[in-house]
C-alpha cells in the first residue's frame, strides 16, 4: 500500500504527464493488487507506463513482462 500511495502522490504532484517504468518479477503482483484502488481518484489517462525489462517474446510467453501485467 505504501508504494501505491507514493506513486499516486508523485503522479498528482507531477501535474501533467506522469511516467512510470514497470519491471517484472514480484513487483507485478504488488502493483496489480495495490495500485488500482490507490489510483482510483487519479487521472490515469495522464500516466505513461513503460516496461523496463521487457524481453523480445510474445505477451503470452511466461517471461513476458507485458503479459504478466495483462497487456496483450
C-alpha atoms as a PDB file:
ATOM      1  CA  UNK A   1       0.000   0.000   0.000  1.00  0.00           C
ATOM      2  CA  UNK A   2       2.833   2.441   0.750  1.00  0.00           C
ATOM      3  CA  UNK A   3       4.280   2.065  -2.754  1.00  0.00           C
ATOM      4  CA  UNK A   4       0.877   2.609  -4.361  1.00  0.00           C
ATOM      5  CA  UNK A   5       0.309   5.724  -2.233  1.00  0.00           C
ATOM      6  CA  UNK A   6       3.750   7.063  -3.132  1.00  0.00           C
ATOM      7  CA  UNK A   7       3.108   6.569  -6.851  1.00  0.00           C
ATOM      8  CA  UNK A   8      -0.287   8.280  -6.769  1.00  0.00           C
ATOM      9  CA  UNK A   9       1.129  11.161  -4.709  1.00  0.00           C
ATOM     10  CA  UNK A  10       4.018  11.636  -7.155  1.00  0.00           C
ATOM     11  CA  UNK A  11       1.623  11.459 -10.100  1.00  0.00           C
ATOM     12  CA  UNK A  12      -0.579  14.162  -8.539  1.00  0.00           C
ATOM     13  CA  UNK A  13       2.457  16.330  -7.804  1.00  0.00           C
ATOM     14  CA  UNK A  14       3.679  15.971 -11.403  1.00  0.00           C
ATOM     15  CA  UNK A  15       0.663  17.913 -12.600  1.00  0.00           C
ATOM     16  CA  UNK A  16       0.928  16.925 -16.257  1.00  0.00           C
ATOM     17  CA  UNK A  17       2.082  13.579 -17.553  1.00  0.00           C
ATOM     18  CA  UNK A  18       3.487  11.078 -15.061  1.00  0.00           C
ATOM     19  CA  UNK A  19       5.954   8.486 -16.412  1.00  0.00           C
ATOM     20  CA  UNK A  20       6.435   5.169 -14.659  1.00  0.00           C
ATOM     21  CA  UNK A  21       8.833   2.371 -15.613  1.00  0.00           C
ATOM     22  CA  UNK A  22       7.489  -1.060 -14.713  1.00  0.00           C
ATOM     23  CA  UNK A  23       9.707  -4.054 -14.143  1.00  0.00           C
ATOM     24  CA  UNK A  24       8.654  -7.657 -13.822  1.00  0.00           C
ATOM     25  CA  UNK A  25       9.146 -10.152 -11.030  1.00  0.00           C
ATOM     26  CA  UNK A  26       7.418  -9.710  -7.682  1.00  0.00           C
ATOM     27  CA  UNK A  27       6.555  -6.080  -8.496  1.00  0.00           C
ATOM     28  CA  UNK A  28       3.786  -7.274 -10.843  1.00  0.00           C
ATOM     29  CA  UNK A  29       1.786  -8.835  -8.011  1.00  0.00           C
ATOM     30  CA  UNK A  30       2.286  -5.878  -5.692  1.00  0.00           C
ATOM     31  CA  UNK A  31       1.197  -3.269  -8.216  1.00  0.00           C
ATOM     32  CA  UNK A  32      -1.658  -5.362  -9.634  1.00  0.00           C
ATOM     33  CA  UNK A  33      -3.112  -5.675  -6.131  1.00  0.00           C
ATOM     34  CA  UNK A  34      -2.367  -2.266  -4.616  1.00  0.00           C
ATOM     35  CA  UNK A  35      -2.221   0.319  -7.391  1.00  0.00           C
ATOM     36  CA  UNK A  36      -5.756   0.184  -8.890  1.00  0.00           C
ATOM     37  CA  UNK A  37      -7.549   1.056  -5.621  1.00  0.00           C
ATOM     38  CA  UNK A  38      -4.968   3.716  -4.734  1.00  0.00           C
ATOM     39  CA  UNK A  39      -5.145   5.302  -8.183  1.00  0.00           C
ATOM     40  CA  UNK A  40      -8.955   5.249  -8.420  1.00  0.00           C
ATOM     41  CA  UNK A  41      -9.143   9.013  -7.910  1.00  0.00           C
ATOM     42  CA  UNK A  42      -6.045   9.742 -10.036  1.00  0.00           C
ATOM     43  CA  UNK A  43      -6.002  10.748 -13.694  1.00  0.00           C
ATOM     44  CA  UNK A  44      -4.580   7.542 -15.219  1.00  0.00           C
ATOM     45  CA  UNK A  45      -5.007   8.967 -18.733  1.00  0.00           C
ATOM     46  CA  UNK A  46      -2.031  11.186 -17.933  1.00  0.00           C
ATOM     47  CA  UNK A  47       0.156   8.280 -16.898  1.00  0.00           C
ATOM     48  CA  UNK A  48       2.787   6.938 -19.317  1.00  0.00           C
ATOM     49  CA  UNK A  49       3.674   3.352 -18.435  1.00  0.00           C
ATOM     50  CA  UNK A  50       6.741   1.673 -19.924  1.00  0.00           C
ATOM     51  CA  UNK A  51       8.208  -1.771 -19.383  1.00  0.00           C
ATOM     52  CA  UNK A  52      11.831  -1.542 -18.217  1.00  0.00           C
ATOM     53  CA  UNK A  53      12.946  -5.108 -18.741  1.00  0.00           C
ATOM     54  CA  UNK A  54      10.664  -6.440 -21.461  1.00  0.00           C
ATOM     55  CA  UNK A  55      12.055  -9.397 -23.313  1.00  0.00           C
ATOM     56  CA  UNK A  56      11.583  -9.919 -27.024  1.00  0.00           C
ATOM     57  CA  UNK A  57       8.914 -12.552 -26.579  1.00  0.00           C
ATOM     58  CA  UNK A  58       5.174 -12.506 -27.312  1.00  0.00           C
ATOM     59  CA  UNK A  59       2.858 -11.383 -24.454  1.00  0.00           C
ATOM     60  CA  UNK A  60       1.648 -14.954 -23.893  1.00  0.00           C
ATOM     61  CA  UNK A  61       5.212 -16.157 -23.210  1.00  0.00           C
ATOM     62  CA  UNK A  62       5.900 -16.871 -19.499  1.00  0.00           C
ATOM     63  CA  UNK A  63       8.872 -14.453 -19.492  1.00  0.00           C
ATOM     64  CA  UNK A  64       6.883 -11.525 -20.887  1.00  0.00           C
ATOM     65  CA  UNK A  65       6.598  -8.584 -18.508  1.00  0.00           C
ATOM     66  CA  UNK A  66       3.761  -7.127 -20.584  1.00  0.00           C
ATOM     67  CA  UNK A  67       1.937 -10.453 -20.389  1.00  0.00           C
ATOM     68  CA  UNK A  68       2.395 -10.573 -16.632  1.00  0.00           C
ATOM     69  CA  UNK A  69       0.653  -7.201 -16.365  1.00  0.00           C
ATOM     70  CA  UNK A  70      -2.145  -8.414 -18.637  1.00  0.00           C
ATOM     71  CA  UNK A  71      -1.201  -6.366 -21.700  1.00  0.00           C
ATOM     72  CA  UNK A  72      -1.669  -8.154 -24.988  1.00  0.00           C
END
